[in-house]
Amino acid sequence: MTTEDIPEVTEVSGSGIPIRGNDIDTDQIIPARFMKVVTFDGLGEFAFFDVRFDENDDPKDHPMNEDRFQDSSVMVVNNNFGCGSSREHAPQALMRWGIDALIGEGFAEIFAGNCLALGIPTVTADSETIEELQAWVDENPDGEIDIDVEAETVTYGGQTIDVTVDDAQRKALVEGVWDTTALMKANAGEVAKLAEELPYVEAGQIPDAE
């Protein structure tokens, strides 16, 4: 594993899916009973499960159940999306459903951080801009949305709008340093070397750098 293996995320494109409502928390995004898994594989089918299905597992009226949005990869949400408990399963479930980026009025800080760890941009705009984009997505389910992370713009329907990307997030995505686990693996030798110099770390506690 090297830092070259971490892709830069400068642009994301795809059709959109509108998820309306403020303060949508992580328990709605992925109910707790589906978090008892060894890996994150398969979580996508349980994204928004209790909002999408009734007690008999029959589908409710929800965008993620509509055929026209099944290939969508850009989720357009409202304010304080991803609030509540800091479960990393929430963005994992969205990613495995097919989401590559989110555009919204605002995101809970920990949720946005968990998205960044997966290379998923969370870009923001004002409520009027978001409502207009959600309406456009409803009318154009196959319409392309282009997110330029570096330039902080979103282009759709022949128009380009300004959005905001957190400075630290933009730097990490654009420079390809968003995967901290991969970065640590890529620098395992330096980590081991530093650990050897720390007086409170015993030799047996230092793993071999591969």
N, C-alpha and C. Protein backbone atom coordinates (compact mmCIF):
# COMPACT_ATOMS: atom_id res chain seq x y z
N MET A 1 0.85 -1.20 0.00
CA MET A 1 0.00 0.00 0.00
C MET A 1 0.89 1.25 0.00
N THR A 2 0.67 2.14 -0.96
CA THR A 2 1.39 3.40 -1.01
C THR A 2 0.39 4.54 -1.11
N THR A 3 0.87 5.76 -0.88
CA THR A 3 -0.03 6.91 -1.00
C THR A 3 -0.56 7.06 -2.42
N GLU A 4 0.15 6.47 -3.40
CA GLU A 4 -0.31 6.55 -4.79
C GLU A 4 -1.55 5.70 -5.01
N ASP A 5 -1.83 4.78 -4.08
CA ASP A 5 -3.01 3.93 -4.20
C ASP A 5 -4.29 4.64 -3.77
N ILE A 6 -4.17 5.80 -3.13
CA ILE A 6 -5.33 6.56 -2.67
C ILE A 6 -5.74 7.51 -3.80
N PRO A 7 -6.90 7.33 -4.38
CA PRO A 7 -7.28 8.19 -5.51
C PRO A 7 -7.63 9.62 -5.08
N GLU A 8 -7.28 10.54 -5.92
CA GLU A 8 -7.71 11.92 -5.71
C GLU A 8 -9.18 12.03 -6.09
N VAL A 9 -9.93 12.77 -5.30
CA VAL A 9 -11.36 12.98 -5.59
C VAL A 9 -11.55 14.46 -5.89
N THR A 10 -11.43 14.81 -7.15
CA THR A 10 -11.57 16.21 -7.56
C THR A 10 -12.94 16.50 -8.14
N GLU A 11 -13.56 15.48 -8.76
CA GLU A 11 -14.89 15.64 -9.35
C GLU A 11 -15.70 14.36 -9.15
N VAL A 12 -16.99 14.55 -8.98
CA VAL A 12 -17.92 13.42 -8.88
C VAL A 12 -19.12 13.73 -9.76
N SER A 13 -19.52 12.78 -10.57
CA SER A 13 -20.67 12.98 -11.46
C SER A 13 -21.63 11.82 -11.34
N GLY A 14 -22.90 12.12 -11.54
CA GLY A 14 -23.92 11.08 -11.52
C GLY A 14 -25.30 11.68 -11.42
N SER A 15 -26.30 10.85 -11.55
CA SER A 15 -27.68 11.33 -11.41
C SER A 15 -28.02 11.44 -9.93
N GLY A 16 -29.04 12.23 -9.62
CA GLY A 16 -29.34 12.52 -8.23
C GLY A 16 -30.55 11.79 -7.67
N ILE A 17 -30.63 11.80 -6.35
CA ILE A 17 -31.80 11.29 -5.64
C ILE A 17 -32.10 12.25 -4.50
N PRO A 18 -33.33 12.78 -4.42
CA PRO A 18 -33.66 13.75 -3.37
C PRO A 18 -34.17 13.05 -2.11
N ILE A 19 -33.56 13.36 -0.98
CA ILE A 19 -34.03 12.88 0.32
C ILE A 19 -34.38 14.10 1.16
N ARG A 20 -35.67 14.36 1.30
CA ARG A 20 -36.11 15.60 1.94
C ARG A 20 -36.30 15.43 3.45
N GLY A 21 -36.05 16.52 4.17
CA GLY A 21 -36.27 16.53 5.61
C GLY A 21 -35.03 16.99 6.37
N ASN A 22 -35.23 17.80 7.38
CA ASN A 22 -34.14 18.24 8.23
C ASN A 22 -33.91 17.24 9.36
N ASP A 23 -32.71 17.26 9.90
CA ASP A 23 -32.36 16.46 11.10
C ASP A 23 -32.57 14.96 10.88
N ILE A 24 -32.27 14.47 9.70
CA ILE A 24 -32.33 13.03 9.45
C ILE A 24 -31.11 12.41 10.12
N ASP A 25 -31.36 11.58 11.13
CA ASP A 25 -30.24 11.08 11.92
C ASP A 25 -29.72 9.73 11.41
N THR A 26 -28.62 9.30 12.01
CA THR A 26 -27.97 8.08 11.55
C THR A 26 -28.81 6.84 11.85
N ASP A 27 -29.70 6.91 12.83
CA ASP A 27 -30.56 5.77 13.12
C ASP A 27 -31.58 5.57 12.00
N GLN A 28 -31.99 6.66 11.35
CA GLN A 28 -32.85 6.52 10.18
C GLN A 28 -32.05 5.98 8.99
N ILE A 29 -30.82 6.48 8.86
CA ILE A 29 -29.99 6.07 7.72
C ILE A 29 -29.67 4.58 7.79
N ILE A 30 -29.32 4.08 8.98
CA ILE A 30 -29.08 2.65 9.16
C ILE A 30 -29.52 2.25 10.57
N PRO A 31 -30.69 1.63 10.71
CA PRO A 31 -31.18 1.22 12.03
C PRO A 31 -30.17 0.34 12.77
N ALA A 32 -30.14 0.49 14.09
CA ALA A 32 -29.11 -0.15 14.91
C ALA A 32 -29.09 -1.67 14.76
N ARG A 33 -30.24 -2.29 14.54
CA ARG A 33 -30.27 -3.76 14.50
C ARG A 33 -29.51 -4.33 13.30
N PHE A 34 -29.21 -3.48 12.31
CA PHE A 34 -28.47 -3.95 11.14
C PHE A 34 -26.96 -3.72 11.28
N MET A 35 -26.55 -3.21 12.44
CA MET A 35 -25.15 -2.91 12.64
C MET A 35 -24.39 -4.10 13.25
N LYS A 36 -25.07 -5.19 13.51
CA LYS A 36 -24.42 -6.36 14.12
C LYS A 36 -23.81 -7.23 13.03
N VAL A 37 -22.84 -6.64 12.36
CA VAL A 37 -22.19 -7.33 11.25
C VAL A 37 -20.68 -7.33 11.46
N VAL A 38 -20.02 -8.32 10.89
CA VAL A 38 -18.57 -8.41 11.00
C VAL A 38 -17.91 -7.45 10.02
N THR A 39 -18.48 -7.33 8.83
CA THR A 39 -17.99 -6.39 7.83
C THR A 39 -19.16 -5.49 7.40
N PHE A 40 -18.83 -4.47 6.61
CA PHE A 40 -19.86 -3.55 6.15
C PHE A 40 -20.56 -4.06 4.88
N ASP A 41 -20.08 -5.15 4.32
CA ASP A 41 -20.66 -5.68 3.08
C ASP A 41 -22.14 -5.97 3.27
N GLY A 42 -22.94 -5.56 2.31
CA GLY A 42 -24.37 -5.85 2.36
C GLY A 42 -25.20 -4.83 3.09
N LEU A 43 -24.56 -3.81 3.69
CA LEU A 43 -25.32 -2.81 4.43
C LEU A 43 -26.21 -1.96 3.52
N GLY A 44 -25.86 -1.87 2.25
CA GLY A 44 -26.60 -1.00 1.34
C GLY A 44 -28.08 -1.31 1.27
N GLU A 45 -28.44 -2.57 1.33
CA GLU A 45 -29.86 -2.94 1.23
C GLU A 45 -30.66 -2.50 2.45
N PHE A 46 -29.96 -2.18 3.55
CA PHE A 46 -30.65 -1.78 4.77
C PHE A 46 -30.65 -0.27 4.98
N ALA A 47 -30.10 0.49 4.03
CA ALA A 47 -30.10 1.95 4.14
C ALA A 47 -31.53 2.47 4.19
N PHE A 48 -31.84 3.29 5.19
CA PHE A 48 -33.17 3.88 5.37
C PHE A 48 -34.26 2.81 5.47
N PHE A 49 -33.92 1.64 5.99
CA PHE A 49 -34.84 0.51 5.94
C PHE A 49 -36.19 0.79 6.59
N ASP A 50 -36.19 1.37 7.80
CA ASP A 50 -37.46 1.58 8.50
C ASP A 50 -38.30 2.68 7.88
N VAL A 51 -37.68 3.53 7.08
CA VAL A 51 -38.41 4.58 6.37
C VAL A 51 -38.92 4.04 5.04
N ARG A 52 -38.24 3.05 4.51
CA ARG A 52 -38.58 2.50 3.20
C ARG A 52 -39.57 1.34 3.26
N PHE A 53 -39.64 0.65 4.42
CA PHE A 53 -40.48 -0.55 4.51
C PHE A 53 -41.31 -0.54 5.79
N ASP A 54 -42.49 -1.16 5.72
CA ASP A 54 -43.35 -1.24 6.91
C ASP A 54 -42.99 -2.48 7.72
N GLU A 55 -43.79 -2.78 8.74
CA GLU A 55 -43.48 -3.89 9.64
C GLU A 55 -43.54 -5.25 8.94
N ASN A 56 -44.19 -5.29 7.77
CA ASN A 56 -44.26 -6.53 7.00
C ASN A 56 -43.23 -6.57 5.87
N ASP A 57 -42.31 -5.61 5.92
CA ASP A 57 -41.26 -5.47 4.90
C ASP A 57 -41.83 -5.13 3.52
N ASP A 58 -43.04 -4.58 3.50
CA ASP A 58 -43.60 -4.09 2.24
C ASP A 58 -43.10 -2.67 2.00
N PRO A 59 -42.74 -2.33 0.77
CA PRO A 59 -42.17 -1.01 0.49
C PRO A 59 -43.14 0.14 0.71
N LYS A 60 -42.63 1.21 1.27
CA LYS A 60 -43.39 2.44 1.43
C LYS A 60 -43.04 3.38 0.28
N ASP A 61 -43.69 4.54 0.28
CA ASP A 61 -43.40 5.57 -0.71
C ASP A 61 -42.11 6.28 -0.30
N HIS A 62 -41.02 5.98 -0.98
CA HIS A 62 -39.72 6.56 -0.65
C HIS A 62 -38.87 6.60 -1.91
N PRO A 63 -38.11 7.67 -2.11
CA PRO A 63 -37.30 7.79 -3.34
C PRO A 63 -36.39 6.59 -3.60
N MET A 64 -35.83 6.00 -2.53
CA MET A 64 -34.90 4.89 -2.71
C MET A 64 -35.60 3.61 -3.15
N ASN A 65 -36.93 3.61 -3.13
CA ASN A 65 -37.69 2.47 -3.62
C ASN A 65 -38.17 2.66 -5.06
N GLU A 66 -37.96 3.85 -5.61
CA GLU A 66 -38.44 4.14 -6.95
C GLU A 66 -37.44 3.68 -8.01
N ASP A 67 -37.96 3.05 -9.03
CA ASP A 67 -37.10 2.55 -10.11
C ASP A 67 -36.25 3.65 -10.74
N ARG A 68 -36.82 4.84 -10.85
CA ARG A 68 -36.12 5.91 -11.56
C ARG A 68 -34.87 6.39 -10.83
N PHE A 69 -34.73 6.06 -9.55
CA PHE A 69 -33.57 6.51 -8.79
C PHE A 69 -32.59 5.39 -8.45
N GLN A 70 -32.81 4.21 -9.00
CA GLN A 70 -31.98 3.07 -8.61
C GLN A 70 -30.52 3.20 -9.04
N ASP A 71 -30.24 4.00 -10.04
CA ASP A 71 -28.86 4.18 -10.50
C ASP A 71 -28.27 5.50 -10.02
N SER A 72 -28.96 6.16 -9.11
CA SER A 72 -28.49 7.47 -8.63
C SER A 72 -27.26 7.32 -7.75
N SER A 73 -26.39 8.32 -7.81
CA SER A 73 -25.16 8.27 -7.01
C SER A 73 -24.89 9.57 -6.26
N VAL A 74 -25.75 10.59 -6.47
CA VAL A 74 -25.58 11.86 -5.76
C VAL A 74 -26.85 12.12 -4.95
N MET A 75 -26.74 12.11 -3.64
CA MET A 75 -27.89 12.31 -2.76
C MET A 75 -28.01 13.79 -2.41
N VAL A 76 -29.21 14.34 -2.60
CA VAL A 76 -29.44 15.76 -2.32
C VAL A 76 -30.35 15.86 -1.10
N VAL A 77 -29.82 16.41 -0.01
CA VAL A 77 -30.50 16.38 1.28
C VAL A 77 -30.67 17.80 1.83
N ASN A 78 -31.32 17.90 2.97
CA ASN A 78 -31.55 19.20 3.58
C ASN A 78 -30.58 19.47 4.73
N ASN A 79 -31.07 20.01 5.85
CA ASN A 79 -30.14 20.49 6.87
C ASN A 79 -29.88 19.48 7.99
N ASN A 80 -28.69 19.52 8.52
CA ASN A 80 -28.26 18.69 9.66
C ASN A 80 -28.40 17.20 9.36
N PHE A 81 -28.08 16.84 8.14
CA PHE A 81 -28.16 15.44 7.73
C PHE A 81 -27.07 14.63 8.43
N GLY A 82 -27.43 13.44 8.94
CA GLY A 82 -26.44 12.59 9.58
C GLY A 82 -26.20 12.91 11.04
N CYS A 83 -27.15 13.58 11.67
CA CYS A 83 -26.99 13.91 13.09
C CYS A 83 -27.25 12.66 13.93
N GLY A 84 -27.14 12.79 15.25
CA GLY A 84 -27.37 11.65 16.12
C GLY A 84 -26.09 10.91 16.43
N SER A 85 -26.19 9.62 16.65
CA SER A 85 -25.02 8.83 17.04
C SER A 85 -23.97 8.79 15.93
N SER A 86 -22.73 8.61 16.34
CA SER A 86 -21.61 8.73 15.39
C SER A 86 -21.28 7.40 14.73
N ARG A 87 -22.29 6.70 14.24
CA ARG A 87 -22.05 5.38 13.64
C ARG A 87 -21.51 5.50 12.22
N GLU A 88 -20.33 4.93 12.02
CA GLU A 88 -19.74 4.96 10.69
C GLU A 88 -20.50 4.07 9.71
N HIS A 89 -21.40 3.24 10.25
CA HIS A 89 -22.21 2.38 9.38
C HIS A 89 -23.11 3.21 8.46
N ALA A 90 -23.45 4.44 8.87
CA ALA A 90 -24.38 5.26 8.08
C ALA A 90 -23.80 5.59 6.70
N PRO A 91 -22.64 6.25 6.61
CA PRO A 91 -22.09 6.48 5.27
C PRO A 91 -21.67 5.19 4.57
N GLN A 92 -21.29 4.17 5.34
CA GLN A 92 -20.96 2.89 4.72
C GLN A 92 -22.19 2.32 4.00
N ALA A 93 -23.36 2.42 4.63
CA ALA A 93 -24.58 1.91 4.02
C ALA A 93 -24.94 2.70 2.77
N LEU A 94 -24.81 4.03 2.85
CA LEU A 94 -25.11 4.86 1.68
C LEU A 94 -24.17 4.56 0.53
N MET A 95 -22.88 4.41 0.84
CA MET A 95 -21.90 4.11 -0.19
C MET A 95 -22.21 2.78 -0.86
N ARG A 96 -22.60 1.79 -0.06
CA ARG A 96 -22.88 0.49 -0.61
C ARG A 96 -24.23 0.45 -1.34
N TRP A 97 -25.09 1.39 -1.06
CA TRP A 97 -26.32 1.51 -1.86
C TRP A 97 -25.98 2.09 -3.23
N GLY A 98 -24.91 2.90 -3.27
CA GLY A 98 -24.49 3.48 -4.55
C GLY A 98 -24.17 4.96 -4.52
N ILE A 99 -24.16 5.57 -3.33
CA ILE A 99 -23.94 7.01 -3.24
C ILE A 99 -22.45 7.34 -3.23
N ASP A 100 -22.07 8.25 -4.13
CA ASP A 100 -20.67 8.69 -4.24
C ASP A 100 -20.45 10.09 -3.68
N ALA A 101 -21.52 10.87 -3.50
CA ALA A 101 -21.39 12.24 -3.00
C ALA A 101 -22.73 12.70 -2.46
N LEU A 102 -22.68 13.67 -1.54
CA LEU A 102 -23.91 14.26 -1.00
C LEU A 102 -23.85 15.77 -1.11
N ILE A 103 -24.98 16.35 -1.49
CA ILE A 103 -25.13 17.80 -1.54
C ILE A 103 -26.26 18.16 -0.60
N GLY A 104 -26.04 19.09 0.32
CA GLY A 104 -27.08 19.42 1.27
C GLY A 104 -26.92 20.80 1.88
N GLU A 105 -27.89 21.17 2.71
CA GLU A 105 -27.81 22.44 3.41
C GLU A 105 -26.77 22.39 4.52
N GLY A 106 -26.63 21.23 5.15
CA GLY A 106 -25.66 21.08 6.23
C GLY A 106 -25.57 19.64 6.68
N PHE A 107 -24.41 19.27 7.21
CA PHE A 107 -24.17 17.90 7.65
C PHE A 107 -23.63 17.91 9.08
N ALA A 108 -24.00 16.89 9.85
CA ALA A 108 -23.42 16.72 11.16
C ALA A 108 -21.92 16.49 10.99
N GLU A 109 -21.13 17.08 11.88
CA GLU A 109 -19.68 17.08 11.71
C GLU A 109 -19.09 15.67 11.67
N ILE A 110 -19.51 14.81 12.59
CA ILE A 110 -18.94 13.45 12.63
C ILE A 110 -19.36 12.66 11.39
N PHE A 111 -20.61 12.84 10.96
CA PHE A 111 -21.07 12.16 9.75
C PHE A 111 -20.22 12.58 8.56
N ALA A 112 -19.98 13.88 8.43
CA ALA A 112 -19.16 14.38 7.32
C ALA A 112 -17.75 13.81 7.39
N GLY A 113 -17.22 13.69 8.61
CA GLY A 113 -15.90 13.11 8.77
C GLY A 113 -15.86 11.65 8.38
N ASN A 114 -16.92 10.91 8.72
CA ASN A 114 -17.00 9.50 8.34
C ASN A 114 -17.15 9.35 6.82
N CYS A 115 -17.84 10.30 6.19
CA CYS A 115 -17.94 10.28 4.73
C CYS A 115 -16.58 10.54 4.10
N LEU A 116 -15.85 11.50 4.66
CA LEU A 116 -14.53 11.82 4.13
C LEU A 116 -13.61 10.61 4.18
N ALA A 117 -13.71 9.82 5.25
CA ALA A 117 -12.87 8.63 5.39
C ALA A 117 -13.14 7.61 4.29
N LEU A 118 -14.26 7.76 3.58
CA LEU A 118 -14.61 6.87 2.47
C LEU A 118 -14.41 7.55 1.12
N GLY A 119 -13.95 8.80 1.15
CA GLY A 119 -13.77 9.54 -0.09
C GLY A 119 -15.06 10.08 -0.67
N ILE A 120 -16.06 10.27 0.20
CA ILE A 120 -17.37 10.77 -0.23
C ILE A 120 -17.48 12.25 0.12
N PRO A 121 -17.53 13.15 -0.87
CA PRO A 121 -17.67 14.59 -0.56
C PRO A 121 -19.04 14.90 0.01
N THR A 122 -19.08 15.84 0.96
CA THR A 122 -20.34 16.38 1.48
C THR A 122 -20.29 17.89 1.28
N VAL A 123 -20.92 18.36 0.22
CA VAL A 123 -20.85 19.78 -0.14
C VAL A 123 -22.16 20.47 0.24
N THR A 124 -22.07 21.76 0.53
CA THR A 124 -23.24 22.47 1.06
C THR A 124 -23.61 23.69 0.22
N ALA A 125 -24.88 24.05 0.33
CA ALA A 125 -25.41 25.25 -0.32
C ALA A 125 -26.61 25.72 0.51
N ASP A 126 -27.12 26.91 0.22
CA ASP A 126 -28.24 27.43 1.00
C ASP A 126 -29.53 26.68 0.69
N SER A 127 -30.53 26.86 1.55
CA SER A 127 -31.76 26.08 1.45
C SER A 127 -32.48 26.27 0.12
N GLU A 128 -32.52 27.49 -0.38
CA GLU A 128 -33.21 27.74 -1.65
C GLU A 128 -32.53 27.00 -2.79
N THR A 129 -31.22 27.03 -2.80
CA THR A 129 -30.45 26.34 -3.84
C THR A 129 -30.70 24.83 -3.78
N ILE A 130 -30.72 24.29 -2.57
CA ILE A 130 -30.94 22.85 -2.40
C ILE A 130 -32.35 22.47 -2.83
N GLU A 131 -33.34 23.25 -2.45
CA GLU A 131 -34.72 22.95 -2.83
C GLU A 131 -34.90 22.97 -4.35
N GLU A 132 -34.23 23.92 -5.00
CA GLU A 132 -34.30 24.00 -6.46
C GLU A 132 -33.65 22.77 -7.09
N LEU A 133 -32.53 22.34 -6.51
CA LEU A 133 -31.85 21.16 -7.04
C LEU A 133 -32.69 19.90 -6.82
N GLN A 134 -33.31 19.79 -5.65
CA GLN A 134 -34.17 18.63 -5.38
C GLN A 134 -35.34 18.58 -6.35
N ALA A 135 -35.92 19.73 -6.62
CA ALA A 135 -37.04 19.79 -7.57
C ALA A 135 -36.58 19.39 -8.97
N TRP A 136 -35.39 19.85 -9.36
CA TRP A 136 -34.86 19.50 -10.68
C TRP A 136 -34.60 18.00 -10.78
N VAL A 137 -34.06 17.43 -9.71
CA VAL A 137 -33.79 15.99 -9.71
C VAL A 137 -35.09 15.21 -9.83
N ASP A 138 -36.15 15.66 -9.16
CA ASP A 138 -37.45 15.01 -9.27
C ASP A 138 -37.93 14.99 -10.71
N GLU A 139 -37.70 16.08 -11.41
CA GLU A 139 -38.17 16.20 -12.78
C GLU A 139 -37.20 15.57 -13.78
N ASN A 140 -35.95 15.41 -13.38
CA ASN A 140 -34.92 14.87 -14.28
C ASN A 140 -34.12 13.77 -13.57
N PRO A 141 -34.77 12.63 -13.28
CA PRO A 141 -34.10 11.57 -12.52
C PRO A 141 -32.86 11.01 -13.20
N ASP A 142 -32.77 11.16 -14.51
CA ASP A 142 -31.59 10.69 -15.24
C ASP A 142 -30.60 11.81 -15.53
N GLY A 143 -30.93 13.01 -15.06
CA GLY A 143 -30.08 14.16 -15.33
C GLY A 143 -28.75 14.09 -14.61
N GLU A 144 -27.70 14.55 -15.29
CA GLU A 144 -26.35 14.49 -14.74
C GLU A 144 -26.08 15.66 -13.80
N ILE A 145 -25.49 15.36 -12.67
CA ILE A 145 -25.02 16.37 -11.72
C ILE A 145 -23.51 16.23 -11.63
N ASP A 146 -22.80 17.32 -11.88
CA ASP A 146 -21.34 17.32 -11.82
C ASP A 146 -20.87 18.17 -10.65
N ILE A 147 -20.16 17.53 -9.72
CA ILE A 147 -19.62 18.23 -8.56
C ILE A 147 -18.12 18.42 -8.76
N ASP A 148 -17.68 19.67 -8.79
CA ASP A 148 -16.25 19.98 -8.86
C ASP A 148 -15.80 20.33 -7.45
N VAL A 149 -15.16 19.37 -6.80
CA VAL A 149 -14.76 19.55 -5.40
C VAL A 149 -13.74 20.67 -5.27
N GLU A 150 -12.78 20.70 -6.19
CA GLU A 150 -11.71 21.69 -6.10
C GLU A 150 -12.22 23.10 -6.34
N ALA A 151 -13.09 23.26 -7.35
CA ALA A 151 -13.61 24.58 -7.69
C ALA A 151 -14.82 24.99 -6.85
N GLU A 152 -15.38 24.03 -6.10
CA GLU A 152 -16.56 24.25 -5.27
C GLU A 152 -17.76 24.73 -6.10
N THR A 153 -18.05 23.94 -7.12
CA THR A 153 -19.21 24.22 -7.97
C THR A 153 -19.98 22.94 -8.23
N VAL A 154 -21.26 23.11 -8.54
CA VAL A 154 -22.12 22.00 -8.97
C VAL A 154 -22.79 22.44 -10.27
N THR A 155 -22.71 21.60 -11.27
CA THR A 155 -23.31 21.91 -12.56
C THR A 155 -24.42 20.90 -12.86
N TYR A 156 -25.59 21.42 -13.22
CA TYR A 156 -26.72 20.56 -13.59
C TYR A 156 -27.69 21.36 -14.44
N GLY A 157 -28.36 20.70 -15.35
CA GLY A 157 -29.38 21.36 -16.16
C GLY A 157 -28.90 22.60 -16.88
N GLY A 158 -27.65 22.64 -17.28
CA GLY A 158 -27.13 23.78 -18.02
C GLY A 158 -26.73 24.97 -17.17
N GLN A 159 -26.74 24.82 -15.87
CA GLN A 159 -26.33 25.92 -14.99
C GLN A 159 -25.31 25.44 -13.98
N THR A 160 -24.49 26.37 -13.54
CA THR A 160 -23.47 26.07 -12.54
C THR A 160 -23.71 26.93 -11.31
N ILE A 161 -23.72 26.28 -10.15
CA ILE A 161 -23.96 26.99 -8.89
C ILE A 161 -22.74 26.85 -7.98
N ASP A 162 -22.55 27.81 -7.12
CA ASP A 162 -21.46 27.76 -6.15
C ASP A 162 -21.90 26.96 -4.92
N VAL A 163 -21.03 26.12 -4.46
CA VAL A 163 -21.27 25.35 -3.24
C VAL A 163 -20.05 25.52 -2.33
N THR A 164 -20.16 25.00 -1.12
CA THR A 164 -19.04 25.10 -0.18
C THR A 164 -18.55 23.71 0.18
N VAL A 165 -17.25 23.55 0.15
CA VAL A 165 -16.61 22.32 0.61
C VAL A 165 -15.68 22.71 1.75
N ASP A 166 -15.83 22.06 2.89
CA ASP A 166 -14.95 22.35 4.03
C ASP A 166 -13.50 22.33 3.57
N ASP A 167 -12.71 23.31 4.02
CA ASP A 167 -11.34 23.46 3.56
C ASP A 167 -10.51 22.20 3.78
N ALA A 168 -10.60 21.63 4.98
CA ALA A 168 -9.82 20.42 5.27
C ALA A 168 -10.28 19.25 4.41
N GLN A 169 -11.60 19.15 4.19
CA GLN A 169 -12.13 18.08 3.35
C GLN A 169 -11.66 18.24 1.91
N ARG A 170 -11.75 19.46 1.41
CA ARG A 170 -11.35 19.71 0.02
C ARG A 170 -9.87 19.36 -0.18
N LYS A 171 -9.03 19.78 0.74
CA LYS A 171 -7.60 19.50 0.64
C LYS A 171 -7.34 17.99 0.66
N ALA A 172 -7.99 17.28 1.58
CA ALA A 172 -7.79 15.84 1.69
C ALA A 172 -8.25 15.10 0.44
N LEU A 173 -9.39 15.48 -0.11
CA LEU A 173 -9.93 14.82 -1.29
C LEU A 173 -9.10 15.13 -2.53
N VAL A 174 -8.81 16.40 -2.72
CA VAL A 174 -8.09 16.82 -3.93
C VAL A 174 -6.65 16.29 -3.95
N GLU A 175 -6.03 16.23 -2.78
CA GLU A 175 -4.64 15.76 -2.70
C GLU A 175 -4.53 14.25 -2.51
N GLY A 176 -5.68 13.58 -2.38
CA GLY A 176 -5.66 12.13 -2.23
C GLY A 176 -5.09 11.65 -0.91
N VAL A 177 -5.42 12.38 0.17
CA VAL A 177 -4.93 11.97 1.49
C VAL A 177 -6.10 11.77 2.45
N TRP A 178 -7.24 11.37 1.91
CA TRP A 178 -8.44 11.23 2.73
C TRP A 178 -8.51 9.88 3.45
N ASP A 179 -7.81 8.87 2.95
CA ASP A 179 -7.85 7.54 3.55
C ASP A 179 -6.74 7.43 4.59
N THR A 180 -7.04 7.76 5.84
CA THR A 180 -6.01 7.79 6.88
C THR A 180 -5.45 6.41 7.18
N THR A 181 -6.29 5.37 7.06
CA THR A 181 -5.80 4.01 7.29
C THR A 181 -4.76 3.63 6.25
N ALA A 182 -5.04 3.97 4.99
CA ALA A 182 -4.09 3.67 3.93
C ALA A 182 -2.80 4.48 4.10
N LEU A 183 -2.94 5.71 4.57
CA LEU A 183 -1.76 6.55 4.81
C LEU A 183 -0.87 5.94 5.88
N MET A 184 -1.49 5.43 6.94
CA MET A 184 -0.71 4.80 8.01
C MET A 184 0.00 3.55 7.50
N LYS A 185 -0.70 2.76 6.68
CA LYS A 185 -0.07 1.56 6.12
C LYS A 185 1.07 1.93 5.19
N ALA A 186 0.88 2.99 4.42
CA ALA A 186 1.91 3.41 3.49
C ALA A 186 3.15 3.92 4.20
N ASN A 187 2.97 4.39 5.42
CA ASN A 187 4.08 4.93 6.19
C ASN A 187 4.38 4.06 7.41
N ALA A 188 4.12 2.76 7.28
CA ALA A 188 4.31 1.86 8.41
C ALA A 188 5.74 1.88 8.94
N GLY A 189 6.70 2.00 8.03
CA GLY A 189 8.09 2.04 8.45
C GLY A 189 8.40 3.23 9.33
N GLU A 190 7.88 4.39 8.93
CA GLU A 190 8.10 5.61 9.72
C GLU A 190 7.39 5.53 11.06
N VAL A 191 6.20 4.92 11.07
CA VAL A 191 5.47 4.76 12.32
C VAL A 191 6.25 3.88 13.28
N ALA A 192 6.78 2.77 12.77
CA ALA A 192 7.56 1.85 13.61
C ALA A 192 8.82 2.53 14.13
N LYS A 193 9.46 3.30 13.28
CA LYS A 193 10.68 4.00 13.67
C LYS A 193 10.41 4.98 14.80
N LEU A 194 9.32 5.73 14.68
CA LEU A 194 8.96 6.68 15.73
C LEU A 194 8.62 5.95 17.02
N ALA A 195 7.89 4.83 16.90
CA ALA A 195 7.51 4.06 18.08
C ALA A 195 8.74 3.57 18.84
N GLU A 196 9.79 3.20 18.10
CA GLU A 196 11.02 2.72 18.73
C GLU A 196 11.69 3.82 19.55
N GLU A 197 11.46 5.07 19.17
CA GLU A 197 12.09 6.18 19.87
C GLU A 197 11.31 6.65 21.09
N LEU A 198 10.09 6.14 21.25
CA LEU A 198 9.27 6.55 22.38
C LEU A 198 9.61 5.68 23.60
N PRO A 199 9.99 6.31 24.70
CA PRO A 199 10.45 5.54 25.87
C PRO A 199 9.37 4.68 26.52
N TYR A 200 8.10 5.02 26.30
CA TYR A 200 7.03 4.28 26.95
C TYR A 200 6.46 3.17 26.08
N VAL A 201 7.03 2.94 24.90
CA VAL A 201 6.58 1.86 24.03
C VAL A 201 7.62 0.74 24.06
N GLU A 202 7.21 -0.44 24.49
CA GLU A 202 8.12 -1.57 24.57
C GLU A 202 8.30 -2.21 23.19
N ALA A 203 9.42 -2.82 23.00
CA ALA A 203 9.78 -3.39 21.68
C ALA A 203 8.74 -4.40 21.20
N GLY A 204 8.19 -5.19 22.11
CA GLY A 204 7.22 -6.22 21.73
C GLY A 204 5.89 -5.67 21.29
N GLN A 205 5.68 -4.37 21.54
CA GLN A 205 4.41 -3.73 21.19
C GLN A 205 4.44 -3.14 19.79
N ILE A 206 5.60 -3.16 19.16
CA ILE A 206 5.74 -2.52 17.84
C ILE A 206 5.58 -3.58 16.76
N PRO A 207 4.56 -3.48 15.93
CA PRO A 207 4.36 -4.47 14.87
C PRO A 207 5.39 -4.31 13.76
N ASP A 208 5.68 -5.40 13.08
CA ASP A 208 6.61 -5.34 11.96
C ASP A 208 6.00 -4.55 10.83
N ALA A 209 6.78 -3.67 10.23
CA ALA A 209 6.29 -2.89 9.10
C ALA A 209 6.42 -3.74 7.85
N GLU A 210 5.32 -3.88 7.13
CA GLU A 210 5.36 -4.68 5.90
C GLU A 210 5.58 -3.78 4.69
